[in-house]
Amino acid sequence: MKRSTYLSQLADAGYQKGALKLLAGGLLLSNLLLGAILLQASGKAEKTVVVPPDFQRSFWVSGEEVSPDYLEQMAVYYSGLILNYNPANLEYQTRQFLKFADPVAYGELSGKFADDVGKATRNQLSSAWFPQQVDIHGMTLELTGVQTLFVGKNITEQKQRRYRLELDKGAQQPLVRAFQEIPLPNGRDNTTTSNTE
């Protein structure tokens, strides 16, 4: 074999070896880059868009954040559970509402509603709640609507009322920390019917 052919093949092998090293280095770098992107993406919470049949609008939940639309719809649902009742279903409605109570507030809420259930059953009280507006302040929501109260079959009062619902982010859904009636803005009293038959 000629020395020039040998040196030429040796040089070609060196170039091939260098090209393969360069290619291997590029692949290693791309794998490291993909690994870094994967680690960064796994640290972010997944955003899930949910459209269940009971709700009117879609909403999202992402990590510790929830969309205002979700909070509004849950507030309307929770208020409906506790403000739409009659003597026959009030116990059931209260049990359903208390399923969404924050464990810290459960005792206080169940005690308050136990008194209300006894009073409503004794006096044959019923209520119909028609929400009109929900104001959202973080996890505190203020609901304004018209509440119609009945004794037996007679309407005793139809009045605009305002309720404050304080929520806490639970694992599956917001949990109720507090629910109470609050004064209307500017002290308005919008009694539309007062009938004491």
C-alpha atoms as a PDB file:
ATOM      1  CA  MET A   1       0.000   0.000   0.000  1.00  0.00           C
ATOM      2  CA  LYS A   2       1.268   3.404  -0.850  1.00  0.00           C
ATOM      3  CA  ARG A   3       1.954   5.802   1.873  1.00  0.00           C
ATOM      4  CA  SER A   4      -0.175   8.576   0.234  1.00  0.00           C
ATOM      5  CA  THR A   5      -3.227   6.282  -0.001  1.00  0.00           C
ATOM      6  CA  TYR A   6      -2.755   5.278   3.630  1.00  0.00           C
ATOM      7  CA  LEU A   7      -2.493   8.920   4.750  1.00  0.00           C
ATOM      8  CA  SER A   8      -5.533   9.829   2.642  1.00  0.00           C
ATOM      9  CA  GLN A   9      -7.629   7.032   4.200  1.00  0.00           C
ATOM     10  CA  LEU A  10      -6.356   7.989   7.642  1.00  0.00           C
ATOM     11  CA  ALA A  11      -7.397  11.622   7.052  1.00  0.00           C
ATOM     12  CA  ASP A  12     -10.846  10.509   5.784  1.00  0.00           C
ATOM     13  CA  ALA A  13     -11.305   8.321   8.867  1.00  0.00           C
ATOM     14  CA  GLY A  14     -10.344  11.290  11.049  1.00  0.00           C
ATOM     15  CA  TYR A  15     -12.921  13.494   9.306  1.00  0.00           C
ATOM     16  CA  GLN A  16     -15.589  10.789   9.615  1.00  0.00           C
ATOM     17  CA  LYS A  17     -14.708  10.339  13.286  1.00  0.00           C
ATOM     18  CA  GLY A  18     -14.975  14.116  13.833  1.00  0.00           C
ATOM     19  CA  ALA A  19     -18.293  14.306  11.937  1.00  0.00           C
ATOM     20  CA  LEU A  20     -19.724  11.444  14.002  1.00  0.00           C
ATOM     21  CA  LYS A  21     -18.532  13.124  17.220  1.00  0.00           C
ATOM     22  CA  LEU A  22     -20.166  16.366  16.094  1.00  0.00           C
ATOM     23  CA  LEU A  23     -23.405  14.525  15.243  1.00  0.00           C
ATOM     24  CA  ALA A  24     -23.372  12.686  18.608  1.00  0.00           C
ATOM     25  CA  GLY A  25     -22.743  15.994  20.407  1.00  0.00           C
ATOM     26  CA  GLY A  26     -25.667  17.620  18.551  1.00  0.00           C
ATOM     27  CA  LEU A  27     -27.979  14.735  19.463  1.00  0.00           C
ATOM     28  CA  LEU A  28     -26.838  14.898  23.101  1.00  0.00           C
ATOM     29  CA  LEU A  29     -27.494  18.653  23.156  1.00  0.00           C
ATOM     30  CA  SER A  30     -30.985  18.222  21.618  1.00  0.00           C
ATOM     31  CA  ASN A  31     -31.829  15.485  24.178  1.00  0.00           C
ATOM     32  CA  LEU A  32     -30.713  17.740  27.027  1.00  0.00           C
ATOM     33  CA  LEU A  33     -32.803  20.597  25.616  1.00  0.00           C
ATOM     34  CA  LEU A  34     -35.874  18.356  25.277  1.00  0.00           C
ATOM     35  CA  GLY A  35     -35.361  17.092  28.839  1.00  0.00           C
ATOM     36  CA  ALA A  36     -35.187  20.666  30.158  1.00  0.00           C
ATOM     37  CA  ILE A  37     -38.386  21.591  28.278  1.00  0.00           C
ATOM     38  CA  LEU A  38     -40.132  18.506  29.663  1.00  0.00           C
ATOM     39  CA  LEU A  39     -39.083  19.338  33.240  1.00  0.00           C
ATOM     40  CA  GLN A  40     -40.259  22.910  32.859  1.00  0.00           C
ATOM     41  CA  ALA A  41     -43.604  21.826  31.376  1.00  0.00           C
ATOM     42  CA  SER A  42     -44.210  19.266  34.116  1.00  0.00           C
ATOM     43  CA  GLY A  43     -43.849  22.013  36.755  1.00  0.00           C
ATOM     44  CA  LYS A  44     -46.791  23.937  35.281  1.00  0.00           C
ATOM     45  CA  ALA A  45     -50.354  23.009  36.197  1.00  0.00           C
ATOM     46  CA  GLU A  46     -52.512  21.666  33.435  1.00  0.00           C
ATOM     47  CA  LYS A  47     -55.408  23.862  32.374  1.00  0.00           C
ATOM     48  CA  THR A  48     -58.598  21.863  31.897  1.00  0.00           C
ATOM     49  CA  VAL A  49     -61.637  23.328  30.168  1.00  0.00           C
ATOM     50  CA  VAL A  50     -64.848  21.732  31.412  1.00  0.00           C
ATOM     51  CA  VAL A  51     -68.358  22.015  29.980  1.00  0.00           C
ATOM     52  CA  PRO A  52     -70.708  19.864  32.064  1.00  0.00           C
ATOM     53  CA  PRO A  53     -74.387  19.707  31.072  1.00  0.00           C
ATOM     54  CA  ASP A  54     -75.635  21.476  34.225  1.00  0.00           C
ATOM     55  CA  PHE A  55     -73.741  24.691  33.582  1.00  0.00           C
ATOM     56  CA  GLN A  56     -74.443  27.390  31.029  1.00  0.00           C
ATOM     57  CA  ARG A  57     -70.844  28.355  30.176  1.00  0.00           C
ATOM     58  CA  SER A  58     -67.507  26.624  29.996  1.00  0.00           C
ATOM     59  CA  PHE A  59     -64.920  27.383  32.658  1.00  0.00           C
ATOM     60  CA  TRP A  60     -61.371  26.444  33.513  1.00  0.00           C
ATOM     61  CA  VAL A  61     -59.445  25.219  36.509  1.00  0.00           C
ATOM     62  CA  SER A  62     -55.667  25.567  36.552  1.00  0.00           C
ATOM     63  CA  GLY A  63     -53.656  24.582  39.622  1.00  0.00           C
ATOM     64  CA  GLU A  64     -54.775  26.863  42.442  1.00  0.00           C
ATOM     65  CA  GLU A  65     -56.763  29.170  40.139  1.00  0.00           C
ATOM     66  CA  VAL A  66     -60.369  28.871  38.992  1.00  0.00           C
ATOM     67  CA  SER A  67     -62.210  30.970  36.462  1.00  0.00           C
ATOM     68  CA  PRO A  68     -64.685  33.598  37.688  1.00  0.00           C
ATOM     69  CA  ASP A  69     -67.391  31.946  35.544  1.00  0.00           C
ATOM     70  CA  TYR A  70     -66.917  28.719  37.519  1.00  0.00           C
ATOM     71  CA  LEU A  71     -67.174  30.543  40.850  1.00  0.00           C
ATOM     72  CA  GLU A  72     -70.296  32.374  39.699  1.00  0.00           C
ATOM     73  CA  GLN A  73     -72.029  29.193  38.576  1.00  0.00           C
ATOM     74  CA  MET A  74     -71.079  27.340  41.752  1.00  0.00           C
ATOM     75  CA  ALA A  75     -72.382  30.269  43.854  1.00  0.00           C
ATOM     76  CA  VAL A  76     -75.734  30.162  42.046  1.00  0.00           C
ATOM     77  CA  TYR A  77     -75.869  26.378  42.572  1.00  0.00           C
ATOM     78  CA  TYR A  78     -74.964  26.577  46.280  1.00  0.00           C
ATOM     79  CA  SER A  79     -77.423  29.410  46.951  1.00  0.00           C
ATOM     80  CA  GLY A  80     -80.162  27.500  45.160  1.00  0.00           C
ATOM     81  CA  LEU A  81     -79.584  24.496  47.409  1.00  0.00           C
ATOM     82  CA  ILE A  82     -80.113  26.478  50.589  1.00  0.00           C
ATOM     83  CA  LEU A  83     -82.612  29.156  49.466  1.00  0.00           C
ATOM     84  CA  ASN A  84     -85.032  27.061  47.345  1.00  0.00           C
ATOM     85  CA  TYR A  85     -86.900  24.875  49.789  1.00  0.00           C
ATOM     86  CA  ASN A  86     -90.185  23.728  51.248  1.00  0.00           C
ATOM     87  CA  PRO A  87     -90.840  21.776  54.454  1.00  0.00           C
ATOM     88  CA  ALA A  88     -90.718  18.455  52.565  1.00  0.00           C
ATOM     89  CA  ASN A  89     -87.286  18.939  50.982  1.00  0.00           C
ATOM     90  CA  LEU A  90     -85.448  21.308  53.324  1.00  0.00           C
ATOM     91  CA  GLU A  91     -83.625  18.551  55.195  1.00  0.00           C
ATOM     92  CA  TYR A  92     -82.433  17.032  51.923  1.00  0.00           C
ATOM     93  CA  GLN A  93     -81.409  20.435  50.503  1.00  0.00           C
ATOM     94  CA  THR A  94     -79.471  21.192  53.693  1.00  0.00           C
ATOM     95  CA  ARG A  95     -77.655  17.828  53.592  1.00  0.00           C
ATOM     96  CA  GLN A  96     -76.706  18.452  49.960  1.00  0.00           C
ATOM     97  CA  PHE A  97     -75.449  21.940  50.792  1.00  0.00           C
ATOM     98  CA  LEU A  98     -73.404  20.684  53.750  1.00  0.00           C
ATOM     99  CA  LYS A  99     -71.613  18.198  51.458  1.00  0.00           C
ATOM    100  CA  PHE A 100     -69.871  21.275  50.060  1.00  0.00           C
ATOM    101  CA  ALA A 101     -69.030  22.800  53.450  1.00  0.00           C
ATOM    102  CA  ASP A 102     -65.408  23.377  54.412  1.00  0.00           C
ATOM    103  CA  PRO A 103     -64.594  20.940  57.258  1.00  0.00           C
ATOM    104  CA  VAL A 104     -63.524  23.887  59.421  1.00  0.00           C
ATOM    105  CA  ALA A 105     -66.928  25.583  58.990  1.00  0.00           C
ATOM    106  CA  TYR A 106     -69.088  22.446  58.945  1.00  0.00           C
ATOM    107  CA  GLY A 107     -70.090  22.566  62.630  1.00  0.00           C
ATOM    108  CA  GLU A 108     -71.145  26.205  62.528  1.00  0.00           C
ATOM    109  CA  LEU A 109     -73.059  25.837  59.249  1.00  0.00           C
ATOM    110  CA  SER A 110     -74.818  22.617  60.251  1.00  0.00           C
ATOM    111  CA  GLY A 111     -75.871  24.127  63.606  1.00  0.00           C
ATOM    112  CA  LYS A 112     -77.275  27.231  61.913  1.00  0.00           C
ATOM    113  CA  PHE A 113     -79.170  25.228  59.310  1.00  0.00           C
ATOM    114  CA  ALA A 114     -80.488  22.720  61.876  1.00  0.00           C
ATOM    115  CA  ASP A 115     -82.258  25.618  63.613  1.00  0.00           C
ATOM    116  CA  ASP A 116     -83.631  26.827  60.250  1.00  0.00           C
ATOM    117  CA  VAL A 117     -84.917  23.339  59.343  1.00  0.00           C
ATOM    118  CA  GLY A 118     -86.829  23.068  62.637  1.00  0.00           C
ATOM    119  CA  LYS A 119     -88.362  26.521  62.266  1.00  0.00           C
ATOM    120  CA  ALA A 120     -89.337  25.971  58.613  1.00  0.00           C
ATOM    121  CA  THR A 121     -90.928  22.599  59.338  1.00  0.00           C
ATOM    122  CA  ARG A 122     -92.897  23.859  62.354  1.00  0.00           C
ATOM    123  CA  ASN A 123     -94.169  26.942  60.551  1.00  0.00           C
ATOM    124  CA  GLN A 124     -94.624  25.383  57.066  1.00  0.00           C
ATOM    125  CA  LEU A 125     -92.174  27.903  55.537  1.00  0.00           C
ATOM    126  CA  SER A 126     -91.043  27.734  51.922  1.00  0.00           C
ATOM    127  CA  SER A 127     -88.694  29.878  49.875  1.00  0.00           C
ATOM    128  CA  ALA A 128     -88.026  30.499  46.193  1.00  0.00           C
ATOM    129  CA  TRP A 129     -84.756  32.213  45.224  1.00  0.00           C
ATOM    130  CA  PHE A 130     -84.220  33.998  41.919  1.00  0.00           C
ATOM    131  CA  PRO A 131     -80.601  35.220  41.617  1.00  0.00           C
ATOM    132  CA  GLN A 132     -80.092  38.342  39.521  1.00  0.00           C
ATOM    133  CA  GLN A 133     -76.456  39.342  40.013  1.00  0.00           C
ATOM    134  CA  VAL A 134     -73.233  37.839  41.361  1.00  0.00           C
ATOM    135  CA  ASP A 135     -70.332  40.078  42.392  1.00  0.00           C
ATOM    136  CA  ILE A 136     -67.008  38.262  42.692  1.00  0.00           C
ATOM    137  CA  HIS A 137     -64.252  39.412  45.055  1.00  0.00           C
ATOM    138  CA  GLY A 138     -61.676  36.622  44.914  1.00  0.00           C
ATOM    139  CA  MET A 139     -63.213  33.631  46.684  1.00  0.00           C
ATOM    140  CA  THR A 140     -65.955  35.792  48.265  1.00  0.00           C
ATOM    141  CA  LEU A 141     -69.111  36.205  46.214  1.00  0.00           C
ATOM    142  CA  GLU A 142     -72.108  38.425  46.833  1.00  0.00           C
ATOM    143  CA  LEU A 143     -75.384  37.293  45.297  1.00  0.00           C
ATOM    144  CA  THR A 144     -78.317  39.642  44.800  1.00  0.00           C
ATOM    145  CA  GLY A 145     -81.734  38.332  43.884  1.00  0.00           C
ATOM    146  CA  VAL A 146     -85.402  38.167  44.689  1.00  0.00           C
ATOM    147  CA  GLN A 147     -86.505  35.807  47.437  1.00  0.00           C
ATOM    148  CA  THR A 148     -90.156  34.860  47.784  1.00  0.00           C
ATOM    149  CA  LEU A 149     -91.220  33.517  51.182  1.00  0.00           C
ATOM    150  CA  PHE A 150     -94.348  31.450  51.786  1.00  0.00           C
ATOM    151  CA  VAL A 151     -96.226  30.299  54.876  1.00  0.00           C
ATOM    152  CA  GLY A 152     -98.218  27.326  53.701  1.00  0.00           C
ATOM    153  CA  LYS A 153     -99.445  28.355  50.253  1.00  0.00           C
ATOM    154  CA  ASN A 154     -99.600  32.091  50.959  1.00  0.00           C
ATOM    155  CA  ILE A 155     -96.895  34.471  49.804  1.00  0.00           C
ATOM    156  CA  THR A 156     -95.797  36.476  52.824  1.00  0.00           C
ATOM    157  CA  GLU A 157     -92.940  38.390  51.303  1.00  0.00           C
ATOM    158  CA  GLN A 158     -91.187  38.955  48.015  1.00  0.00           C
ATOM    159  CA  LYS A 159     -88.058  40.957  48.599  1.00  0.00           C
ATOM    160  CA  GLN A 160     -84.718  41.697  47.037  1.00  0.00           C
ATOM    161  CA  ARG A 161     -81.967  40.254  49.219  1.00  0.00           C
ATOM    162  CA  ARG A 162     -78.209  39.967  49.168  1.00  0.00           C
ATOM    163  CA  TYR A 163     -76.128  37.054  50.447  1.00  0.00           C
ATOM    164  CA  ARG A 164     -72.388  36.647  50.967  1.00  0.00           C
ATOM    165  CA  LEU A 165     -70.860  33.293  50.134  1.00  0.00           C
ATOM    166  CA  GLU A 166     -67.259  32.721  51.213  1.00  0.00           C
ATOM    167  CA  LEU A 167     -65.487  29.870  49.468  1.00  0.00           C
ATOM    168  CA  ASP A 168     -62.223  28.020  49.934  1.00  0.00           C
ATOM    169  CA  LYS A 169     -60.495  26.086  47.140  1.00  0.00           C
ATOM    170  CA  GLY A 170     -61.153  22.396  47.764  1.00  0.00           C
ATOM    171  CA  ALA A 171     -59.631  19.403  45.989  1.00  0.00           C
ATOM    172  CA  GLN A 172     -62.559  18.849  43.585  1.00  0.00           C
ATOM    173  CA  GLN A 173     -64.672  22.010  43.948  1.00  0.00           C
ATOM    174  CA  PRO A 174     -64.826  25.177  46.038  1.00  0.00           C
ATOM    175  CA  LEU A 175     -65.928  24.542  49.622  1.00  0.00           C
ATOM    176  CA  VAL A 176     -68.297  26.824  51.542  1.00  0.00           C
ATOM    177  CA  ARG A 177     -66.742  28.620  54.527  1.00  0.00           C
ATOM    178  CA  ALA A 178     -69.637  30.966  55.265  1.00  0.00           C
ATOM    179  CA  PHE A 179     -73.077  31.876  53.926  1.00  0.00           C
ATOM    180  CA  GLN A 180     -75.032  34.777  55.346  1.00  0.00           C
ATOM    181  CA  GLU A 181     -77.468  37.516  54.418  1.00  0.00           C
ATOM    182  CA  ILE A 182     -75.933  40.987  54.148  1.00  0.00           C
ATOM    183  CA  PRO A 183     -77.522  44.415  53.710  1.00  0.00           C
ATOM    184  CA  LEU A 184     -78.306  45.639  50.222  1.00  0.00           C
ATOM    185  CA  PRO A 185     -76.058  48.457  48.932  1.00  0.00           C
ATOM    186  CA  ASN A 186     -77.245  51.889  50.094  1.00  0.00           C
ATOM    187  CA  GLY A 187     -79.635  50.229  52.562  1.00  0.00           C
ATOM    188  CA  ARG A 188     -82.269  49.621  49.843  1.00  0.00           C
ATOM    189  CA  ASP A 189     -85.383  47.753  50.847  1.00  0.00           C
ATOM    190  CA  ASN A 190     -87.089  46.386  47.779  1.00  0.00           C
ATOM    191  CA  THR A 191     -90.075  44.586  49.247  1.00  0.00           C
ATOM    192  CA  THR A 192     -92.402  44.020  46.328  1.00  0.00           C
ATOM    193  CA  THR A 193     -95.135  42.025  48.090  1.00  0.00           C
ATOM    194  CA  SER A 194     -96.088  41.820  51.724  1.00  0.00           C
ATOM    195  CA  ASN A 195     -99.196  39.716  52.096  1.00  0.00           C
ATOM    196  CA  THR A 196    -100.298  38.505  55.538  1.00  0.00           C
ATOM    197  CA  GLU A 197    -103.419  36.484  54.714  1.00  0.00           C
END
